[in-house]
Amino acid sequence: MGENASNRSTMTESRRHAILQAALKSFLTKGFTDTTMEDIRQLSGASMGSIYHHFENKEKLAFALFVEGSNDLNTHLSAAMADKQPREAIKDLVRAYVDWFEQNPDLGQYIIQASSTEYLGPKLQELRRTSETWPKQLLDWLTPFIEDGSIARLPAHLYISLILGPCREFVRRWLRERIPTELKEAREPLAEATWLMLAP
């Protein structure tokens, strides 16, 4: 009985993942407005009933894709800082950001596009409020190093912009053409430059 329930859960999660991947592909190729639930059904191989079982409408599907992608990125970034001194942690944070987009270019492109559009509506505003958690975690991690002089003391609101701003802008440009060598060549200079901006 337990094994059957586990198998059903795995199949359900697999189907949900297929629906999300189909939505991602359609959103990027056709755009959110022109994508229909029928497009997603055809790409995913799921029944319409299965799609609506997981997602009430296209907006909820788009929101779930945005949330899960953002959470995965933030988890990746948090892991990069764990149990390290500031110099290596900051540099590894930048490397992790670049690496995540290299490994997830379609999802990364979607997150960037969706965060600057209105089709997620009120839910995007809700997400932006809740997404302040990760910058706060970053500042909490930085604070002891700022206090002991290991990191330059700056206005608090500058840290997230200095740490992720340059690599975010580079990744945004890279996503337009996706030339692998450009990303690999930029990884270390971005990491080093970011540390130099924060070094005491």
C-alpha atoms as a PDB file:
ATOM      1  CA  MET A   1       0.000   0.000   0.000  1.00  0.00           C
ATOM      2  CA  GLY A   2       2.779   2.386   0.953  1.00  0.00           C
ATOM      3  CA  GLU A   3       4.732   1.554  -2.196  1.00  0.00           C
ATOM      4  CA  ASN A   4       1.678   2.170  -4.390  1.00  0.00           C
ATOM      5  CA  ALA A   5       1.101   5.542  -2.753  1.00  0.00           C
ATOM      6  CA  SER A   6       4.757   6.435  -3.281  1.00  0.00           C
ATOM      7  CA  ASN A   7       4.560   5.466  -6.958  1.00  0.00           C
ATOM      8  CA  ARG A   8       1.429   7.567  -7.436  1.00  0.00           C
ATOM      9  CA  SER A   9       3.113  10.518  -5.760  1.00  0.00           C
ATOM     10  CA  THR A  10       6.156  10.159  -8.024  1.00  0.00           C
ATOM     11  CA  MET A  11       3.958   9.965 -11.125  1.00  0.00           C
ATOM     12  CA  THR A  12       1.972  13.015 -10.003  1.00  0.00           C
ATOM     13  CA  GLU A  13       5.130  15.024  -9.411  1.00  0.00           C
ATOM     14  CA  SER A  14       6.540  13.891 -12.754  1.00  0.00           C
ATOM     15  CA  ARG A  15       3.376  14.988 -14.539  1.00  0.00           C
ATOM     16  CA  ARG A  16       3.386  18.338 -12.741  1.00  0.00           C
ATOM     17  CA  HIS A  17       7.015  18.867 -13.774  1.00  0.00           C
ATOM     18  CA  ALA A  18       6.163  18.044 -17.398  1.00  0.00           C
ATOM     19  CA  ILE A  19       3.344  20.606 -17.335  1.00  0.00           C
ATOM     20  CA  LEU A  20       5.662  23.283 -15.941  1.00  0.00           C
ATOM     21  CA  GLN A  21       8.323  22.518 -18.552  1.00  0.00           C
ATOM     22  CA  ALA A  22       5.747  22.671 -21.340  1.00  0.00           C
ATOM     23  CA  ALA A  23       4.491  26.012 -20.047  1.00  0.00           C
ATOM     24  CA  LEU A  24       8.045  27.332 -19.872  1.00  0.00           C
ATOM     25  CA  LYS A  25       8.728  26.347 -23.474  1.00  0.00           C
ATOM     26  CA  SER A  26       5.504  27.904 -24.718  1.00  0.00           C
ATOM     27  CA  PHE A  27       5.886  31.109 -22.691  1.00  0.00           C
ATOM     28  CA  LEU A  28       9.358  31.638 -24.155  1.00  0.00           C
ATOM     29  CA  THR A  29       8.425  30.838 -27.758  1.00  0.00           C
ATOM     30  CA  LYS A  30       4.899  32.274 -28.023  1.00  0.00           C
ATOM     31  CA  GLY A  31       4.769  34.631 -25.065  1.00  0.00           C
ATOM     32  CA  PHE A  32       2.451  34.427 -22.087  1.00  0.00           C
ATOM     33  CA  THR A  33      -0.499  36.150 -23.738  1.00  0.00           C
ATOM     34  CA  ASP A  34      -0.527  33.942 -26.842  1.00  0.00           C
ATOM     35  CA  THR A  35       0.052  30.684 -24.965  1.00  0.00           C
ATOM     36  CA  THR A  36      -3.114  28.673 -24.391  1.00  0.00           C
ATOM     37  CA  MET A  37      -3.792  25.800 -22.040  1.00  0.00           C
ATOM     38  CA  GLU A  38      -4.232  23.669 -25.156  1.00  0.00           C
ATOM     39  CA  ASP A  39      -0.654  24.524 -26.190  1.00  0.00           C
ATOM     40  CA  ILE A  40       0.537  23.352 -22.787  1.00  0.00           C
ATOM     41  CA  ARG A  41      -1.558  20.185 -23.016  1.00  0.00           C
ATOM     42  CA  GLN A  42      -0.058  19.269 -26.377  1.00  0.00           C
ATOM     43  CA  LEU A  43       3.526  19.935 -25.301  1.00  0.00           C
ATOM     44  CA  SER A  44       3.230  18.158 -21.947  1.00  0.00           C
ATOM     45  CA  GLY A  45       1.185  15.158 -23.064  1.00  0.00           C
ATOM     46  CA  ALA A  46      -1.023  15.675 -20.012  1.00  0.00           C
ATOM     47  CA  SER A  47      -4.793  15.661 -20.133  1.00  0.00           C
ATOM     48  CA  MET A  48      -6.608  18.940 -19.648  1.00  0.00           C
ATOM     49  CA  GLY A  49      -8.062  17.511 -16.449  1.00  0.00           C
ATOM     50  CA  SER A  50      -4.573  16.793 -15.132  1.00  0.00           C
ATOM     51  CA  ILE A  51      -3.410  20.322 -15.930  1.00  0.00           C
ATOM     52  CA  TYR A  52      -6.364  21.886 -14.130  1.00  0.00           C
ATOM     53  CA  HIS A  53      -5.885  19.493 -11.224  1.00  0.00           C
ATOM     54  CA  HIS A  54      -2.450  21.015 -10.640  1.00  0.00           C
ATOM     55  CA  PHE A  55      -3.083  24.591 -11.769  1.00  0.00           C
ATOM     56  CA  GLU A  56      -6.341  26.509 -11.618  1.00  0.00           C
ATOM     57  CA  ASN A  57      -5.477  28.689 -14.616  1.00  0.00           C
ATOM     58  CA  LYS A  58      -2.610  29.911 -16.779  1.00  0.00           C
ATOM     59  CA  GLU A  59      -1.772  32.718 -14.364  1.00  0.00           C
ATOM     60  CA  LYS A  60      -1.380  30.282 -11.450  1.00  0.00           C
ATOM     61  CA  LEU A  61       0.839  28.092 -13.626  1.00  0.00           C
ATOM     62  CA  ALA A  62       3.015  31.067 -14.580  1.00  0.00           C
ATOM     63  CA  PHE A  63       3.265  32.104 -10.947  1.00  0.00           C
ATOM     64  CA  ALA A  64       4.275  28.597  -9.819  1.00  0.00           C
ATOM     65  CA  LEU A  65       6.988  28.491 -12.465  1.00  0.00           C
ATOM     66  CA  PHE A  66       8.315  31.854 -11.301  1.00  0.00           C
ATOM     67  CA  VAL A  67       8.246  30.933  -7.599  1.00  0.00           C
ATOM     68  CA  GLU A  68       9.890  27.540  -8.002  1.00  0.00           C
ATOM     69  CA  GLY A  69      12.587  28.911 -10.285  1.00  0.00           C
ATOM     70  CA  SER A  70      13.335  31.812  -7.942  1.00  0.00           C
ATOM     71  CA  ASN A  71      13.430  29.527  -4.908  1.00  0.00           C
ATOM     72  CA  ASP A  72      15.822  27.150  -6.640  1.00  0.00           C
ATOM     73  CA  LEU A  73      18.132  30.032  -7.542  1.00  0.00           C
ATOM     74  CA  ASN A  74      18.059  31.410  -3.992  1.00  0.00           C
ATOM     75  CA  THR A  75      18.783  27.969  -2.524  1.00  0.00           C
ATOM     76  CA  HIS A  76      21.748  27.643  -4.881  1.00  0.00           C
ATOM     77  CA  LEU A  77      23.073  31.039  -3.791  1.00  0.00           C
ATOM     78  CA  SER A  78      22.623  30.334  -0.076  1.00  0.00           C
ATOM     79  CA  ALA A  79      24.537  27.066  -0.372  1.00  0.00           C
ATOM     80  CA  ALA A  80      27.439  28.895  -2.014  1.00  0.00           C
ATOM     81  CA  MET A  81      27.987  31.056   1.080  1.00  0.00           C
ATOM     82  CA  ALA A  82      27.793  28.357   3.726  1.00  0.00           C
ATOM     83  CA  ASP A  83      30.693  27.975   6.172  1.00  0.00           C
ATOM     84  CA  LYS A  84      33.127  30.228   4.310  1.00  0.00           C
ATOM     85  CA  GLN A  85      35.121  33.336   4.987  1.00  0.00           C
ATOM     86  CA  PRO A  86      33.894  36.500   3.246  1.00  0.00           C
ATOM     87  CA  ARG A  87      36.345  36.638   0.332  1.00  0.00           C
ATOM     88  CA  GLU A  88      35.611  33.122  -0.905  1.00  0.00           C
ATOM     89  CA  ALA A  89      31.928  33.296   0.013  1.00  0.00           C
ATOM     90  CA  ILE A  90      31.322  36.468  -2.006  1.00  0.00           C
ATOM     91  CA  LYS A  91      33.244  35.130  -4.983  1.00  0.00           C
ATOM     92  CA  ASP A  92      31.472  31.767  -4.771  1.00  0.00           C
ATOM     93  CA  LEU A  93      28.134  33.562  -4.578  1.00  0.00           C
ATOM     94  CA  VAL A  94      28.838  35.293  -7.892  1.00  0.00           C
ATOM     95  CA  ARG A  95      30.076  32.045  -9.433  1.00  0.00           C
ATOM     96  CA  ALA A  96      26.937  30.270  -8.218  1.00  0.00           C
ATOM     97  CA  TYR A  97      24.712  32.920  -9.791  1.00  0.00           C
ATOM     98  CA  VAL A  98      26.462  32.614 -13.152  1.00  0.00           C
ATOM     99  CA  ASP A  99      26.527  28.808 -12.957  1.00  0.00           C
ATOM    100  CA  TRP A 100      22.805  28.571 -12.170  1.00  0.00           C
ATOM    101  CA  PHE A 101      21.894  30.567 -15.268  1.00  0.00           C
ATOM    102  CA  GLU A 102      24.279  28.512 -17.373  1.00  0.00           C
ATOM    103  CA  GLN A 103      22.561  25.332 -16.157  1.00  0.00           C
ATOM    104  CA  ASN A 104      19.022  26.769 -16.369  1.00  0.00           C
ATOM    105  CA  PRO A 105      19.044  29.281 -19.235  1.00  0.00           C
ATOM    106  CA  ASP A 106      15.375  28.917 -20.214  1.00  0.00           C
ATOM    107  CA  LEU A 107      14.091  29.120 -16.664  1.00  0.00           C
ATOM    108  CA  GLY A 108      16.470  31.981 -15.951  1.00  0.00           C
ATOM    109  CA  GLN A 109      15.272  33.893 -18.989  1.00  0.00           C
ATOM    110  CA  TYR A 110      11.675  33.353 -17.918  1.00  0.00           C
ATOM    111  CA  ILE A 111      12.334  34.627 -14.385  1.00  0.00           C
ATOM    112  CA  ILE A 112      13.994  37.771 -15.708  1.00  0.00           C
ATOM    113  CA  GLN A 113      11.238  38.416 -18.250  1.00  0.00           C
ATOM    114  CA  ALA A 114       8.386  37.674 -15.859  1.00  0.00           C
ATOM    115  CA  SER A 115       9.773  39.899 -13.123  1.00  0.00           C
ATOM    116  CA  SER A 116       9.498  42.932 -15.409  1.00  0.00           C
ATOM    117  CA  THR A 117       6.027  42.275 -16.832  1.00  0.00           C
ATOM    118  CA  GLU A 118       2.545  42.694 -15.466  1.00  0.00           C
ATOM    119  CA  TYR A 119       0.923  39.407 -16.435  1.00  0.00           C
ATOM    120  CA  LEU A 120       1.525  37.845 -13.051  1.00  0.00           C
ATOM    121  CA  GLY A 121      -0.574  40.702 -11.715  1.00  0.00           C
ATOM    122  CA  PRO A 122      -1.103  41.097  -7.959  1.00  0.00           C
ATOM    123  CA  LYS A 123       0.711  37.824  -7.294  1.00  0.00           C
ATOM    124  CA  LEU A 124       3.963  39.298  -8.581  1.00  0.00           C
ATOM    125  CA  GLN A 125       3.679  42.111  -6.061  1.00  0.00           C
ATOM    126  CA  GLU A 126       3.072  39.490  -3.379  1.00  0.00           C
ATOM    127  CA  LEU A 127       6.138  37.566  -4.512  1.00  0.00           C
ATOM    128  CA  ARG A 128       8.288  40.678  -4.531  1.00  0.00           C
ATOM    129  CA  ARG A 129       7.332  41.296  -0.916  1.00  0.00           C
ATOM    130  CA  THR A 130       8.142  37.749   0.148  1.00  0.00           C
ATOM    131  CA  SER A 131      11.317  37.650  -1.973  1.00  0.00           C
ATOM    132  CA  GLU A 132      12.885  40.186   0.369  1.00  0.00           C
ATOM    133  CA  THR A 133      13.712  37.221   2.618  1.00  0.00           C
ATOM    134  CA  TRP A 134      16.863  36.232   0.744  1.00  0.00           C
ATOM    135  CA  PRO A 135      18.429  39.734   0.686  1.00  0.00           C
ATOM    136  CA  LYS A 136      17.755  39.917   4.434  1.00  0.00           C
ATOM    137  CA  GLN A 137      19.494  36.565   4.925  1.00  0.00           C
ATOM    138  CA  LEU A 138      22.436  37.874   2.930  1.00  0.00           C
ATOM    139  CA  LEU A 139      22.653  41.025   5.044  1.00  0.00           C
ATOM    140  CA  ASP A 140      22.404  38.976   8.250  1.00  0.00           C
ATOM    141  CA  TRP A 141      25.298  36.836   7.022  1.00  0.00           C
ATOM    142  CA  LEU A 142      27.348  39.909   6.062  1.00  0.00           C
ATOM    143  CA  THR A 143      26.799  41.807   9.324  1.00  0.00           C
ATOM    144  CA  PRO A 144      29.423  40.062  11.522  1.00  0.00           C
ATOM    145  CA  PHE A 145      32.041  40.532   8.798  1.00  0.00           C
ATOM    146  CA  ILE A 146      31.108  44.192   8.416  1.00  0.00           C
ATOM    147  CA  GLU A 147      31.384  44.631  12.178  1.00  0.00           C
ATOM    148  CA  ASP A 148      34.837  43.031  12.391  1.00  0.00           C
ATOM    149  CA  GLY A 149      36.130  44.956   9.373  1.00  0.00           C
ATOM    150  CA  SER A 150      36.416  41.994   6.982  1.00  0.00           C
ATOM    151  CA  ILE A 151      33.970  43.685   4.594  1.00  0.00           C
ATOM    152  CA  ALA A 152      33.720  47.397   3.848  1.00  0.00           C
ATOM    153  CA  ARG A 153      31.047  49.277   5.787  1.00  0.00           C
ATOM    154  CA  LEU A 154      28.521  50.667   3.294  1.00  0.00           C
ATOM    155  CA  PRO A 155      24.849  51.686   3.358  1.00  0.00           C
ATOM    156  CA  ALA A 156      22.936  48.430   3.862  1.00  0.00           C
ATOM    157  CA  HIS A 157      20.840  48.755   0.709  1.00  0.00           C
ATOM    158  CA  LEU A 158      23.969  48.792  -1.481  1.00  0.00           C
ATOM    159  CA  TYR A 159      25.206  45.287  -0.704  1.00  0.00           C
ATOM    160  CA  ILE A 160      22.709  43.292  -2.770  1.00  0.00           C
ATOM    161  CA  SER A 161      23.202  45.638  -5.747  1.00  0.00           C
ATOM    162  CA  LEU A 162      26.988  45.456  -5.563  1.00  0.00           C
ATOM    163  CA  ILE A 163      27.082  41.685  -5.118  1.00  0.00           C
ATOM    164  CA  LEU A 164      24.509  40.620  -7.713  1.00  0.00           C
ATOM    165  CA  GLY A 165      24.012  43.727  -9.851  1.00  0.00           C
ATOM    166  CA  PRO A 166      26.995  43.317 -12.216  1.00  0.00           C
ATOM    167  CA  CYS A 167      26.534  39.570 -12.773  1.00  0.00           C
ATOM    168  CA  ARG A 168      22.756  39.999 -13.142  1.00  0.00           C
ATOM    169  CA  GLU A 169      23.296  42.568 -15.897  1.00  0.00           C
ATOM    170  CA  PHE A 170      25.874  40.366 -17.623  1.00  0.00           C
ATOM    171  CA  VAL A 171      23.600  37.315 -17.482  1.00  0.00           C
ATOM    172  CA  ARG A 172      20.697  39.349 -18.858  1.00  0.00           C
ATOM    173  CA  ARG A 173      22.835  40.272 -21.877  1.00  0.00           C
ATOM    174  CA  TRP A 174      24.240  36.741 -22.216  1.00  0.00           C
ATOM    175  CA  LEU A 175      20.774  35.212 -22.424  1.00  0.00           C
ATOM    176  CA  ARG A 176      20.119  37.037 -25.693  1.00  0.00           C
ATOM    177  CA  GLU A 177      22.714  34.980 -27.600  1.00  0.00           C
ATOM    178  CA  ARG A 178      23.907  32.313 -25.140  1.00  0.00           C
ATOM    179  CA  ILE A 179      27.499  32.000 -26.311  1.00  0.00           C
ATOM    180  CA  PRO A 180      29.018  29.541 -23.788  1.00  0.00           C
ATOM    181  CA  THR A 181      32.550  30.934 -23.954  1.00  0.00           C
ATOM    182  CA  GLU A 182      31.364  34.407 -22.951  1.00  0.00           C
ATOM    183  CA  LEU A 183      29.886  33.081 -19.725  1.00  0.00           C
ATOM    184  CA  LYS A 184      32.950  31.026 -18.843  1.00  0.00           C
ATOM    185  CA  GLU A 185      35.273  33.952 -19.563  1.00  0.00           C
ATOM    186  CA  ALA A 186      33.215  36.342 -17.428  1.00  0.00           C
ATOM    187  CA  ARG A 187      32.807  34.090 -14.382  1.00  0.00           C
ATOM    188  CA  GLU A 188      36.121  34.751 -12.618  1.00  0.00           C
ATOM    189  CA  PRO A 189      36.497  38.454 -13.511  1.00  0.00           C
ATOM    190  CA  LEU A 190      32.982  39.098 -12.185  1.00  0.00           C
ATOM    191  CA  ALA A 191      33.743  37.212  -8.973  1.00  0.00           C
ATOM    192  CA  GLU A 192      37.013  39.064  -8.411  1.00  0.00           C
ATOM    193  CA  ALA A 193      35.562  42.486  -9.256  1.00  0.00           C
ATOM    194  CA  THR A 194      32.662  41.952  -6.871  1.00  0.00           C
ATOM    195  CA  TRP A 195      34.995  41.094  -4.014  1.00  0.00           C
ATOM    196  CA  LEU A 196      37.161  44.147  -4.719  1.00  0.00           C
ATOM    197  CA  MET A 197      34.092  46.387  -4.361  1.00  0.00           C
ATOM    198  CA  LEU A 198      33.458  44.967  -0.882  1.00  0.00           C
ATOM    199  CA  ALA A 199      37.005  44.458   0.351  1.00  0.00           C
ATOM    200  CA  PRO A 200      37.952  46.667   3.332  1.00  0.00           C
END
